[in-house]
Amino acid sequence: MAASSDNSNLCSTLASQLPGQISYAQDADYAASIESYFYQQARLGPQCIVYPKSTSDISRIVKTLVARQGKAAVRGGGHTPIANAANIENAVTIDLSNMNAVSLGALDLSSFQNDTDSSVGPLSSSAGRSHLFEPNNPAPSVSDQSFSNLSSDTTSEKAPLNSPNTLSAGGGATWGDVYKKLDSTGLISIGGRGTSLG
């Protein structure tokens, strides 16, 4: 009984720090969240569910949990079958569903091209052979290939380095959110085959 009381006090503290971002068993948001777990064994009864909207909210939640020695589970998409991983009985569930933004950006890859490291040798020698996995070996084997020959694209065109090549997804995003963002871009990402996966 003491643990439940401690968690109730913890939830009250979080509610005062993050007004409007906590739900309890009597709230419709709470019931909807519990029912939305894919697996029955993950449909547990946390003392409260907190819905952070930013990384600073998460920081505040974690600091409070640590200071109070509270237990918590973190929910992304709510698809894990493991009890106490994405939901937890009589403790705090941190539901990241409000942090579901998906964005595309450009990462400057020029610093990664033709990079050399004397401990592993250059990525490509003048003979067009890789030394990457053969530290300081001046004579690579015949089976080594240049990284430029590994592409299946037979054209000499390459995507510009400033084209979108980085995808960022919030902790509450699902693969459905990611695929929706990519749908009109002609880009792909390797990910879950189910759109409800987080």
N, C-alpha and C. Protein backbone atom coordinates (compact mmCIF):
# COMPACT_ATOMS: atom_id res chain seq x y z
N MET A 1 0.81 -1.19 0.00
CA MET A 1 0.00 0.00 0.00
C MET A 1 0.86 1.26 0.00
N ALA A 2 2.02 1.20 0.64
CA ALA A 2 2.90 2.36 0.71
C ALA A 2 3.39 2.75 -0.67
N ALA A 3 3.70 1.75 -1.52
CA ALA A 3 4.19 2.05 -2.86
C ALA A 3 3.15 2.81 -3.66
N SER A 4 1.89 2.42 -3.57
CA SER A 4 0.82 3.09 -4.29
C SER A 4 0.68 4.52 -3.81
N SER A 5 0.77 4.74 -2.51
CA SER A 5 0.68 6.08 -1.94
C SER A 5 1.86 6.94 -2.41
N ASP A 6 3.06 6.35 -2.41
CA ASP A 6 4.24 7.07 -2.88
C ASP A 6 4.08 7.48 -4.33
N ASN A 7 3.56 6.56 -5.16
CA ASN A 7 3.37 6.86 -6.57
C ASN A 7 2.27 7.89 -6.78
N SER A 8 1.25 7.87 -5.92
CA SER A 8 0.19 8.86 -5.99
C SER A 8 0.77 10.25 -5.72
N ASN A 9 1.63 10.34 -4.70
CA ASN A 9 2.31 11.60 -4.41
C ASN A 9 3.22 12.02 -5.56
N LEU A 10 3.89 11.05 -6.16
CA LEU A 10 4.75 11.32 -7.30
C LEU A 10 3.92 11.87 -8.46
N CYS A 11 2.77 11.26 -8.71
CA CYS A 11 1.90 11.74 -9.79
C CYS A 11 1.40 13.14 -9.49
N SER A 12 1.08 13.43 -8.23
CA SER A 12 0.64 14.79 -7.85
C SER A 12 1.74 15.81 -8.10
N THR A 13 2.96 15.43 -7.77
CA THR A 13 4.10 16.32 -8.02
C THR A 13 4.26 16.58 -9.52
N LEU A 14 4.19 15.51 -10.32
CA LEU A 14 4.31 15.67 -11.78
C LEU A 14 3.16 16.52 -12.33
N ALA A 15 1.96 16.34 -11.79
CA ALA A 15 0.80 17.11 -12.24
C ALA A 15 0.99 18.60 -11.95
N SER A 16 1.62 18.92 -10.83
CA SER A 16 1.87 20.33 -10.52
C SER A 16 2.96 20.92 -11.42
N GLN A 17 3.91 20.09 -11.83
CA GLN A 17 4.99 20.55 -12.71
C GLN A 17 4.54 20.65 -14.17
N LEU A 18 3.63 19.76 -14.57
CA LEU A 18 3.19 19.70 -15.97
C LEU A 18 1.66 19.73 -16.04
N PRO A 19 1.07 20.88 -15.72
CA PRO A 19 -0.39 20.96 -15.69
C PRO A 19 -1.01 20.58 -17.04
N GLY A 20 -2.08 19.77 -16.98
CA GLY A 20 -2.78 19.35 -18.18
C GLY A 20 -2.10 18.24 -18.96
N GLN A 21 -1.01 17.70 -18.43
CA GLN A 21 -0.26 16.66 -19.14
C GLN A 21 -0.25 15.33 -18.38
N ILE A 22 -1.18 15.16 -17.44
CA ILE A 22 -1.27 13.94 -16.65
C ILE A 22 -2.69 13.41 -16.74
N SER A 23 -2.83 12.08 -16.84
CA SER A 23 -4.17 11.51 -16.75
C SER A 23 -4.18 10.40 -15.70
N TYR A 24 -5.36 10.22 -15.11
CA TYR A 24 -5.56 9.22 -14.06
C TYR A 24 -6.62 8.23 -14.50
N ALA A 25 -6.79 7.14 -13.74
CA ALA A 25 -7.70 6.05 -14.11
C ALA A 25 -9.12 6.51 -14.42
N GLN A 26 -9.58 7.57 -13.81
CA GLN A 26 -10.95 8.05 -14.04
C GLN A 26 -11.06 8.91 -15.31
N ASP A 27 -9.96 9.20 -15.97
CA ASP A 27 -9.97 10.08 -17.15
C ASP A 27 -10.12 9.28 -18.44
N ALA A 28 -10.82 9.87 -19.42
CA ALA A 28 -11.03 9.22 -20.72
C ALA A 28 -9.70 9.00 -21.45
N ASP A 29 -8.76 9.96 -21.34
CA ASP A 29 -7.44 9.81 -21.99
C ASP A 29 -6.70 8.58 -21.46
N TYR A 30 -6.82 8.35 -20.17
CA TYR A 30 -6.16 7.22 -19.53
C TYR A 30 -6.71 5.91 -20.11
N ALA A 31 -8.03 5.79 -20.14
CA ALA A 31 -8.66 4.57 -20.65
C ALA A 31 -8.31 4.34 -22.12
N ALA A 32 -8.33 5.40 -22.91
CA ALA A 32 -7.99 5.28 -24.34
C ALA A 32 -6.54 4.84 -24.51
N SER A 33 -5.65 5.37 -23.69
CA SER A 33 -4.24 4.99 -23.78
C SER A 33 -4.06 3.51 -23.44
N ILE A 34 -4.67 3.05 -22.37
CA ILE A 34 -4.53 1.65 -21.95
C ILE A 34 -5.08 0.72 -23.02
N GLU A 35 -6.25 1.04 -23.58
CA GLU A 35 -6.88 0.20 -24.59
C GLU A 35 -6.10 0.18 -25.92
N SER A 36 -5.28 1.18 -26.14
CA SER A 36 -4.56 1.27 -27.42
C SER A 36 -3.30 0.41 -27.49
N TYR A 37 -2.91 -0.20 -26.37
CA TYR A 37 -1.75 -1.10 -26.41
C TYR A 37 -2.08 -2.29 -27.28
N PHE A 38 -1.17 -2.67 -28.12
CA PHE A 38 -1.40 -3.76 -29.07
C PHE A 38 -1.57 -5.11 -28.37
N TYR A 39 -0.76 -5.34 -27.34
CA TYR A 39 -0.79 -6.62 -26.63
C TYR A 39 -1.53 -6.51 -25.31
N GLN A 40 -2.36 -7.49 -25.02
CA GLN A 40 -3.15 -7.52 -23.79
C GLN A 40 -2.25 -7.43 -22.55
N GLN A 41 -1.12 -8.12 -22.55
CA GLN A 41 -0.26 -8.14 -21.36
C GLN A 41 0.39 -6.78 -21.08
N ALA A 42 0.33 -5.85 -22.02
CA ALA A 42 0.86 -4.51 -21.79
C ALA A 42 -0.22 -3.55 -21.29
N ARG A 43 -1.44 -4.02 -21.20
CA ARG A 43 -2.56 -3.17 -20.75
C ARG A 43 -2.63 -3.19 -19.22
N LEU A 44 -1.67 -2.57 -18.60
CA LEU A 44 -1.55 -2.53 -17.15
C LEU A 44 -2.22 -1.27 -16.61
N GLY A 45 -2.23 -1.13 -15.30
CA GLY A 45 -2.86 0.03 -14.65
C GLY A 45 -1.86 0.92 -13.95
N PRO A 46 -1.24 1.86 -14.66
CA PRO A 46 -0.31 2.77 -13.98
C PRO A 46 -1.06 3.70 -13.02
N GLN A 47 -0.35 4.23 -12.06
CA GLN A 47 -0.94 5.20 -11.14
C GLN A 47 -1.37 6.44 -11.91
N CYS A 48 -0.54 6.82 -12.88
CA CYS A 48 -0.88 7.95 -13.75
C CYS A 48 -0.10 7.81 -15.05
N ILE A 49 -0.57 8.53 -16.06
CA ILE A 49 0.14 8.60 -17.34
C ILE A 49 0.50 10.05 -17.56
N VAL A 50 1.76 10.30 -17.85
CA VAL A 50 2.21 11.66 -18.12
C VAL A 50 2.56 11.77 -19.60
N TYR A 51 2.15 12.88 -20.22
CA TYR A 51 2.30 13.09 -21.65
C TYR A 51 3.24 14.28 -21.91
N PRO A 52 4.55 14.06 -21.94
CA PRO A 52 5.47 15.17 -22.19
C PRO A 52 5.30 15.71 -23.61
N LYS A 53 5.59 17.00 -23.77
CA LYS A 53 5.50 17.65 -25.08
C LYS A 53 6.86 18.08 -25.60
N SER A 54 7.89 17.97 -24.76
CA SER A 54 9.22 18.44 -25.16
C SER A 54 10.29 17.68 -24.39
N THR A 55 11.51 17.85 -24.84
CA THR A 55 12.63 17.21 -24.13
C THR A 55 12.81 17.82 -22.74
N SER A 56 12.47 19.09 -22.58
CA SER A 56 12.58 19.69 -21.24
C SER A 56 11.54 19.08 -20.30
N ASP A 57 10.35 18.73 -20.83
CA ASP A 57 9.36 18.01 -20.01
C ASP A 57 9.92 16.66 -19.57
N ILE A 58 10.54 15.95 -20.50
CA ILE A 58 11.12 14.64 -20.17
C ILE A 58 12.19 14.80 -19.10
N SER A 59 13.03 15.80 -19.25
CA SER A 59 14.07 16.05 -18.27
C SER A 59 13.47 16.30 -16.89
N ARG A 60 12.43 17.09 -16.83
CA ARG A 60 11.76 17.38 -15.56
C ARG A 60 11.17 16.10 -14.95
N ILE A 61 10.55 15.28 -15.79
CA ILE A 61 9.95 14.02 -15.32
C ILE A 61 11.03 13.09 -14.75
N VAL A 62 12.11 12.91 -15.50
CA VAL A 62 13.18 12.01 -15.07
C VAL A 62 13.83 12.51 -13.78
N LYS A 63 14.07 13.81 -13.68
CA LYS A 63 14.66 14.36 -12.45
C LYS A 63 13.76 14.11 -11.25
N THR A 64 12.46 14.28 -11.46
CA THR A 64 11.51 14.04 -10.37
C THR A 64 11.48 12.56 -9.99
N LEU A 65 11.47 11.69 -10.99
CA LEU A 65 11.48 10.24 -10.73
C LEU A 65 12.74 9.84 -9.96
N VAL A 66 13.88 10.35 -10.36
CA VAL A 66 15.13 10.00 -9.70
C VAL A 66 15.14 10.53 -8.26
N ALA A 67 14.71 11.78 -8.07
CA ALA A 67 14.70 12.38 -6.73
C ALA A 67 13.78 11.61 -5.79
N ARG A 68 12.69 11.09 -6.32
CA ARG A 68 11.70 10.37 -5.51
C ARG A 68 11.87 8.85 -5.58
N GLN A 69 12.90 8.40 -6.30
CA GLN A 69 13.14 6.97 -6.50
C GLN A 69 11.89 6.27 -7.03
N GLY A 70 11.24 6.93 -7.98
CA GLY A 70 10.02 6.40 -8.58
C GLY A 70 10.30 5.46 -9.73
N LYS A 71 9.34 4.60 -9.99
CA LYS A 71 9.44 3.66 -11.11
C LYS A 71 8.61 4.19 -12.26
N ALA A 72 9.07 3.91 -13.48
CA ALA A 72 8.34 4.38 -14.65
C ALA A 72 8.60 3.45 -15.83
N ALA A 73 7.70 3.52 -16.79
CA ALA A 73 7.87 2.85 -18.08
C ALA A 73 7.69 3.94 -19.14
N VAL A 74 8.31 3.75 -20.29
CA VAL A 74 8.23 4.73 -21.38
C VAL A 74 7.53 4.10 -22.57
N ARG A 75 6.48 4.76 -23.02
CA ARG A 75 5.72 4.28 -24.17
C ARG A 75 6.06 5.12 -25.40
N GLY A 76 6.45 4.39 -26.46
CA GLY A 76 6.61 5.02 -27.77
C GLY A 76 5.33 4.78 -28.55
N GLY A 77 5.29 3.71 -29.32
CA GLY A 77 4.10 3.36 -30.08
C GLY A 77 3.17 2.42 -29.35
N GLY A 78 3.61 1.85 -28.24
CA GLY A 78 2.78 0.95 -27.45
C GLY A 78 2.62 -0.42 -28.07
N HIS A 79 3.65 -0.88 -28.76
CA HIS A 79 3.53 -2.14 -29.48
C HIS A 79 4.36 -3.27 -28.87
N THR A 80 5.09 -3.01 -27.81
CA THR A 80 5.92 -4.05 -27.22
C THR A 80 5.07 -5.03 -26.41
N PRO A 81 5.36 -6.32 -26.50
CA PRO A 81 4.60 -7.31 -25.73
C PRO A 81 5.11 -7.49 -24.30
N ILE A 82 6.16 -6.80 -23.94
CA ILE A 82 6.80 -7.02 -22.65
C ILE A 82 6.14 -6.15 -21.57
N ALA A 83 5.53 -6.79 -20.59
CA ALA A 83 4.93 -6.06 -19.48
C ALA A 83 6.00 -5.26 -18.75
N ASN A 84 5.67 -4.07 -18.31
CA ASN A 84 6.55 -3.14 -17.59
C ASN A 84 7.61 -2.48 -18.47
N ALA A 85 7.54 -2.68 -19.76
CA ALA A 85 8.47 -1.99 -20.66
C ALA A 85 7.85 -0.69 -21.16
N ALA A 86 6.66 -0.76 -21.72
CA ALA A 86 5.99 0.44 -22.26
C ALA A 86 4.81 0.85 -21.39
N ASN A 87 4.54 0.13 -20.34
CA ASN A 87 3.49 0.44 -19.39
C ASN A 87 3.85 -0.26 -18.09
N ILE A 88 3.34 0.23 -16.97
CA ILE A 88 3.76 -0.33 -15.68
C ILE A 88 2.60 -0.24 -14.69
N GLU A 89 2.47 -1.26 -13.89
CA GLU A 89 1.41 -1.33 -12.88
C GLU A 89 1.76 -0.45 -11.68
N ASN A 90 0.80 0.37 -11.23
CA ASN A 90 0.93 1.20 -10.02
C ASN A 90 2.18 2.08 -9.98
N ALA A 91 2.59 2.59 -11.10
CA ALA A 91 3.72 3.52 -11.15
C ALA A 91 3.41 4.56 -12.23
N VAL A 92 4.41 5.13 -12.83
CA VAL A 92 4.22 6.20 -13.81
C VAL A 92 4.54 5.69 -15.21
N THR A 93 3.60 5.90 -16.13
CA THR A 93 3.87 5.62 -17.54
C THR A 93 4.10 6.95 -18.23
N ILE A 94 5.22 7.05 -18.93
CA ILE A 94 5.54 8.25 -19.71
C ILE A 94 5.15 7.95 -21.15
N ASP A 95 4.11 8.60 -21.62
CA ASP A 95 3.56 8.36 -22.96
C ASP A 95 4.07 9.45 -23.91
N LEU A 96 4.88 9.05 -24.88
CA LEU A 96 5.52 10.01 -25.79
C LEU A 96 4.66 10.38 -27.00
N SER A 97 3.37 10.05 -26.98
CA SER A 97 2.52 10.27 -28.16
C SER A 97 2.46 11.73 -28.61
N ASN A 98 2.68 12.68 -27.72
CA ASN A 98 2.70 14.09 -28.12
C ASN A 98 4.00 14.49 -28.81
N MET A 99 4.98 13.62 -28.76
CA MET A 99 6.28 13.91 -29.36
C MET A 99 6.44 13.03 -30.60
N ASN A 100 5.58 13.28 -31.59
CA ASN A 100 5.53 12.42 -32.77
C ASN A 100 5.91 13.11 -34.07
N ALA A 101 6.60 14.22 -33.99
CA ALA A 101 7.00 14.95 -35.19
C ALA A 101 8.00 14.14 -36.00
N VAL A 102 7.87 14.23 -37.33
CA VAL A 102 8.79 13.58 -38.26
C VAL A 102 9.30 14.66 -39.19
N SER A 103 10.61 14.76 -39.35
CA SER A 103 11.16 15.79 -40.23
C SER A 103 12.30 15.23 -41.07
N LEU A 104 12.51 15.87 -42.20
CA LEU A 104 13.61 15.53 -43.10
C LEU A 104 14.62 16.66 -43.07
N GLY A 105 15.87 16.32 -43.18
CA GLY A 105 16.91 17.33 -43.19
C GLY A 105 18.08 16.86 -44.01
N ALA A 106 19.05 17.73 -44.11
CA ALA A 106 20.26 17.40 -44.87
C ALA A 106 21.44 17.37 -43.91
N LEU A 107 22.14 16.27 -43.92
CA LEU A 107 23.36 16.12 -43.15
C LEU A 107 24.51 16.27 -44.12
N ASP A 108 25.42 17.14 -43.82
CA ASP A 108 26.57 17.35 -44.71
C ASP A 108 27.48 16.14 -44.61
N LEU A 109 27.50 15.34 -45.66
CA LEU A 109 28.31 14.12 -45.67
C LEU A 109 29.71 14.33 -46.23
N SER A 110 30.02 15.54 -46.62
CA SER A 110 31.32 15.77 -47.26
C SER A 110 32.48 15.42 -46.34
N SER A 111 32.31 15.58 -45.04
CA SER A 111 33.40 15.26 -44.12
C SER A 111 33.63 13.75 -44.02
N PHE A 112 32.65 12.94 -44.47
CA PHE A 112 32.80 11.50 -44.43
C PHE A 112 33.36 10.93 -45.72
N GLN A 113 33.46 11.73 -46.75
CA GLN A 113 33.91 11.25 -48.05
C GLN A 113 35.43 11.35 -48.14
N ASN A 114 36.04 10.30 -48.65
CA ASN A 114 37.49 10.25 -48.83
C ASN A 114 38.24 10.52 -47.54
N ASP A 115 37.65 10.11 -46.43
CA ASP A 115 38.27 10.28 -45.13
C ASP A 115 39.40 9.26 -44.99
N THR A 116 40.46 9.66 -44.33
CA THR A 116 41.55 8.71 -44.08
C THR A 116 41.84 8.68 -42.59
N ASP A 117 42.25 7.55 -42.14
CA ASP A 117 42.63 7.35 -40.75
C ASP A 117 43.87 6.46 -40.80
N SER A 118 44.97 6.98 -40.32
CA SER A 118 46.22 6.24 -40.46
C SER A 118 46.19 4.89 -39.73
N SER A 119 45.30 4.73 -38.76
CA SER A 119 45.26 3.45 -38.06
C SER A 119 44.57 2.36 -38.86
N VAL A 120 43.75 2.73 -39.83
CA VAL A 120 43.09 1.72 -40.64
C VAL A 120 43.40 1.86 -42.13
N GLY A 121 44.16 2.84 -42.48
CA GLY A 121 44.47 3.06 -43.89
C GLY A 121 43.38 3.86 -44.57
N PRO A 122 43.63 4.34 -45.78
CA PRO A 122 42.64 5.15 -46.48
C PRO A 122 41.45 4.31 -46.94
N LEU A 123 40.31 4.98 -47.14
CA LEU A 123 39.13 4.28 -47.63
C LEU A 123 39.35 3.77 -49.04
N SER A 124 40.11 4.49 -49.82
CA SER A 124 40.33 4.09 -51.20
C SER A 124 41.75 4.45 -51.59
N SER A 125 42.49 3.52 -52.12
CA SER A 125 43.85 3.81 -52.56
C SER A 125 43.82 4.29 -53.99
N SER A 126 44.95 4.70 -54.52
CA SER A 126 44.99 5.15 -55.91
C SER A 126 44.65 4.01 -56.87
N ALA A 127 44.84 2.78 -56.43
CA ALA A 127 44.49 1.62 -57.27
C ALA A 127 43.00 1.30 -57.16
N GLY A 128 42.25 2.06 -56.33
CA GLY A 128 40.83 1.84 -56.20
C GLY A 128 40.46 0.67 -55.32
N ARG A 129 41.32 0.31 -54.38
CA ARG A 129 41.03 -0.81 -53.49
C ARG A 129 40.93 -0.32 -52.06
N SER A 130 40.06 -0.95 -51.31
CA SER A 130 39.79 -0.54 -49.94
C SER A 130 40.83 -1.09 -48.98
N HIS A 131 41.23 -0.26 -48.03
CA HIS A 131 42.11 -0.67 -46.94
C HIS A 131 41.37 -0.60 -45.61
N LEU A 132 40.07 -0.32 -45.64
CA LEU A 132 39.32 -0.01 -44.45
C LEU A 132 39.44 -1.06 -43.35
N PHE A 133 39.36 -2.33 -43.69
CA PHE A 133 39.37 -3.36 -42.67
C PHE A 133 40.72 -4.06 -42.54
N GLU A 134 41.73 -3.52 -43.15
CA GLU A 134 43.06 -4.10 -43.07
C GLU A 134 44.03 -3.05 -42.56
N PRO A 135 44.16 -2.91 -41.23
CA PRO A 135 45.00 -1.86 -40.67
C PRO A 135 46.42 -1.88 -41.21
N ASN A 136 46.81 -0.75 -41.75
CA ASN A 136 48.17 -0.51 -42.23
C ASN A 136 48.69 -1.59 -43.17
N ASN A 137 47.82 -2.20 -43.94
CA ASN A 137 48.22 -3.22 -44.89
C ASN A 137 48.39 -2.57 -46.26
N PRO A 138 49.60 -2.49 -46.77
CA PRO A 138 49.82 -1.82 -48.05
C PRO A 138 49.38 -2.66 -49.25
N ALA A 139 49.10 -3.94 -49.08
CA ALA A 139 48.75 -4.79 -50.21
C ALA A 139 47.41 -5.49 -49.97
N PRO A 140 46.30 -4.83 -50.31
CA PRO A 140 45.00 -5.47 -50.12
C PRO A 140 44.83 -6.66 -51.03
N SER A 141 43.97 -7.58 -50.62
CA SER A 141 43.73 -8.78 -51.41
C SER A 141 42.96 -8.45 -52.68
N VAL A 142 42.98 -9.36 -53.63
CA VAL A 142 42.30 -9.17 -54.90
C VAL A 142 40.79 -9.03 -54.71
N SER A 143 40.24 -9.63 -53.64
CA SER A 143 38.79 -9.57 -53.43
C SER A 143 38.31 -8.22 -52.92
N ASP A 144 39.24 -7.35 -52.47
CA ASP A 144 38.83 -6.02 -52.01
C ASP A 144 38.31 -5.20 -53.18
N GLN A 145 37.32 -4.35 -52.89
CA GLN A 145 36.75 -3.49 -53.92
C GLN A 145 36.75 -2.06 -53.43
N SER A 146 36.75 -1.16 -54.36
CA SER A 146 36.59 0.24 -54.03
C SER A 146 35.15 0.48 -53.62
N PHE A 147 34.93 1.36 -52.65
CA PHE A 147 33.57 1.67 -52.23
C PHE A 147 32.77 2.25 -53.39
N SER A 148 33.41 2.92 -54.31
CA SER A 148 32.68 3.51 -55.44
C SER A 148 32.15 2.43 -56.37
N ASN A 149 32.72 1.23 -56.35
CA ASN A 149 32.25 0.14 -57.22
C ASN A 149 31.14 -0.69 -56.57
N LEU A 150 30.79 -0.40 -55.31
CA LEU A 150 29.79 -1.19 -54.62
C LEU A 150 28.36 -0.76 -54.97
N SER A 151 28.21 0.36 -55.60
CA SER A 151 26.87 0.85 -55.94
C SER A 151 26.30 0.07 -57.11
N SER A 152 24.99 -0.20 -57.05
CA SER A 152 24.34 -0.87 -58.17
C SER A 152 23.92 0.13 -59.24
N ASP A 153 24.06 1.41 -58.95
CA ASP A 153 23.70 2.45 -59.90
C ASP A 153 24.81 2.56 -60.94
N THR A 154 24.45 2.36 -62.19
CA THR A 154 25.47 2.39 -63.23
C THR A 154 25.70 3.79 -63.78
N THR A 155 24.88 4.75 -63.40
CA THR A 155 25.08 6.12 -63.88
C THR A 155 26.12 6.79 -63.01
N SER A 156 26.67 7.85 -63.52
CA SER A 156 27.67 8.57 -62.75
C SER A 156 27.03 9.65 -61.89
N GLU A 157 25.70 9.84 -61.98
CA GLU A 157 25.03 10.85 -61.18
C GLU A 157 24.91 10.39 -59.74
N LYS A 158 25.16 11.30 -58.84
CA LYS A 158 24.98 11.04 -57.42
C LYS A 158 24.09 12.12 -56.85
N ALA A 159 23.31 11.79 -55.83
CA ALA A 159 22.46 12.79 -55.20
C ALA A 159 23.33 13.86 -54.58
N PRO A 160 22.92 15.12 -54.70
CA PRO A 160 23.71 16.18 -54.06
C PRO A 160 23.74 15.97 -52.55
N LEU A 161 24.84 16.35 -51.94
CA LEU A 161 25.01 16.13 -50.52
C LEU A 161 24.02 16.92 -49.68
N ASN A 162 23.42 17.97 -50.26
CA ASN A 162 22.49 18.77 -49.48
C ASN A 162 21.04 18.33 -49.66
N SER A 163 20.80 17.24 -50.40
CA SER A 163 19.42 16.74 -50.54
C SER A 163 19.02 16.08 -49.22
N PRO A 164 17.71 15.94 -48.96
CA PRO A 164 17.31 15.32 -47.69
C PRO A 164 17.89 13.91 -47.56
N ASN A 165 18.67 13.71 -46.52
CA ASN A 165 19.28 12.41 -46.30
C ASN A 165 19.22 11.99 -44.84
N THR A 166 18.52 12.79 -44.05
CA THR A 166 18.39 12.49 -42.63
C THR A 166 16.93 12.60 -42.22
N LEU A 167 16.45 11.58 -41.58
CA LEU A 167 15.09 11.56 -41.09
C LEU A 167 15.14 11.58 -39.57
N SER A 168 14.39 12.47 -38.96
CA SER A 168 14.31 12.53 -37.50
C SER A 168 12.87 12.28 -37.10
N ALA A 169 12.68 11.41 -36.13
CA ALA A 169 11.35 11.08 -35.66
C ALA A 169 11.32 11.17 -34.14
N GLY A 170 10.28 11.79 -33.62
CA GLY A 170 10.11 11.88 -32.18
C GLY A 170 9.84 10.52 -31.57
N GLY A 171 10.06 10.39 -30.29
CA GLY A 171 9.90 9.12 -29.60
C GLY A 171 8.49 8.55 -29.64
N GLY A 172 7.50 9.38 -29.91
CA GLY A 172 6.12 8.91 -29.98
C GLY A 172 5.64 8.66 -31.40
N ALA A 173 6.51 8.86 -32.38
CA ALA A 173 6.13 8.65 -33.78
C ALA A 173 6.03 7.15 -34.07
N THR A 174 5.12 6.81 -34.96
CA THR A 174 5.00 5.43 -35.42
C THR A 174 5.58 5.36 -36.83
N TRP A 175 5.77 4.14 -37.31
CA TRP A 175 6.26 4.00 -38.68
C TRP A 175 5.22 4.53 -39.66
N GLY A 176 3.96 4.52 -39.30
CA GLY A 176 2.94 5.13 -40.14
C GLY A 176 3.18 6.62 -40.31
N ASP A 177 3.58 7.30 -39.22
CA ASP A 177 3.91 8.73 -39.29
C ASP A 177 5.11 8.95 -40.22
N VAL A 178 6.10 8.07 -40.12
CA VAL A 178 7.30 8.19 -40.95
C VAL A 178 6.96 7.98 -42.42
N TYR A 179 6.22 6.90 -42.71
CA TYR A 179 5.88 6.61 -44.11
C TYR A 179 5.00 7.69 -44.72
N LYS A 180 4.11 8.26 -43.92
CA LYS A 180 3.26 9.35 -44.41
C LYS A 180 4.14 10.56 -44.81
N LYS A 181 5.14 10.85 -43.99
CA LYS A 181 6.04 11.98 -44.28
C LYS A 181 6.85 11.71 -45.56
N LEU A 182 7.28 10.47 -45.76
CA LEU A 182 8.12 10.13 -46.90
C LEU A 182 7.32 9.89 -48.18
N ASP A 183 6.04 9.67 -48.07
CA ASP A 183 5.20 9.23 -49.19
C ASP A 183 5.36 10.09 -50.44
N SER A 184 5.39 11.38 -50.29
CA SER A 184 5.45 12.27 -51.46
C SER A 184 6.86 12.68 -51.86
N THR A 185 7.87 12.16 -51.15
CA THR A 185 9.24 12.62 -51.40
C THR A 185 10.03 11.73 -52.35
N GLY A 186 9.59 10.49 -52.55
CA GLY A 186 10.37 9.55 -53.35
C GLY A 186 11.49 8.91 -52.55
N LEU A 187 11.51 9.17 -51.24
CA LEU A 187 12.53 8.59 -50.37
C LEU A 187 11.94 7.42 -49.60
N ILE A 188 12.81 6.56 -49.09
CA ILE A 188 12.36 5.43 -48.29
C ILE A 188 13.20 5.35 -47.02
N SER A 189 12.70 4.60 -46.08
CA SER A 189 13.44 4.32 -44.86
C SER A 189 13.18 2.86 -44.50
N ILE A 190 14.17 2.21 -44.00
CA ILE A 190 13.99 0.84 -43.53
C ILE A 190 13.35 0.93 -42.16
N GLY A 191 12.25 0.20 -41.96
CA GLY A 191 11.57 0.30 -40.69
C GLY A 191 10.56 -0.81 -40.53
N GLY A 192 9.64 -0.61 -39.61
CA GLY A 192 8.63 -1.60 -39.30
C GLY A 192 7.64 -1.78 -40.44
N ARG A 193 7.15 -3.01 -40.60
CA ARG A 193 6.21 -3.25 -41.67
C ARG A 193 4.79 -2.89 -41.26
N GLY A 194 4.54 -2.79 -39.95
CA GLY A 194 3.24 -2.37 -39.45
C GLY A 194 3.27 -0.89 -39.14
N THR A 195 2.26 -0.16 -39.60
CA THR A 195 2.28 1.29 -39.42
C THR A 195 2.04 1.71 -37.98
N SER A 196 1.53 0.82 -37.13
CA SER A 196 1.30 1.19 -35.73
C SER A 196 2.53 0.98 -34.86
N LEU A 197 3.59 0.43 -35.41
CA LEU A 197 4.82 0.22 -34.64
C LEU A 197 5.48 1.55 -34.32
N GLY A 198 6.02 1.64 -33.11
CA GLY A 198 6.72 2.86 -32.70
C GLY A 198 8.21 2.72 -32.85
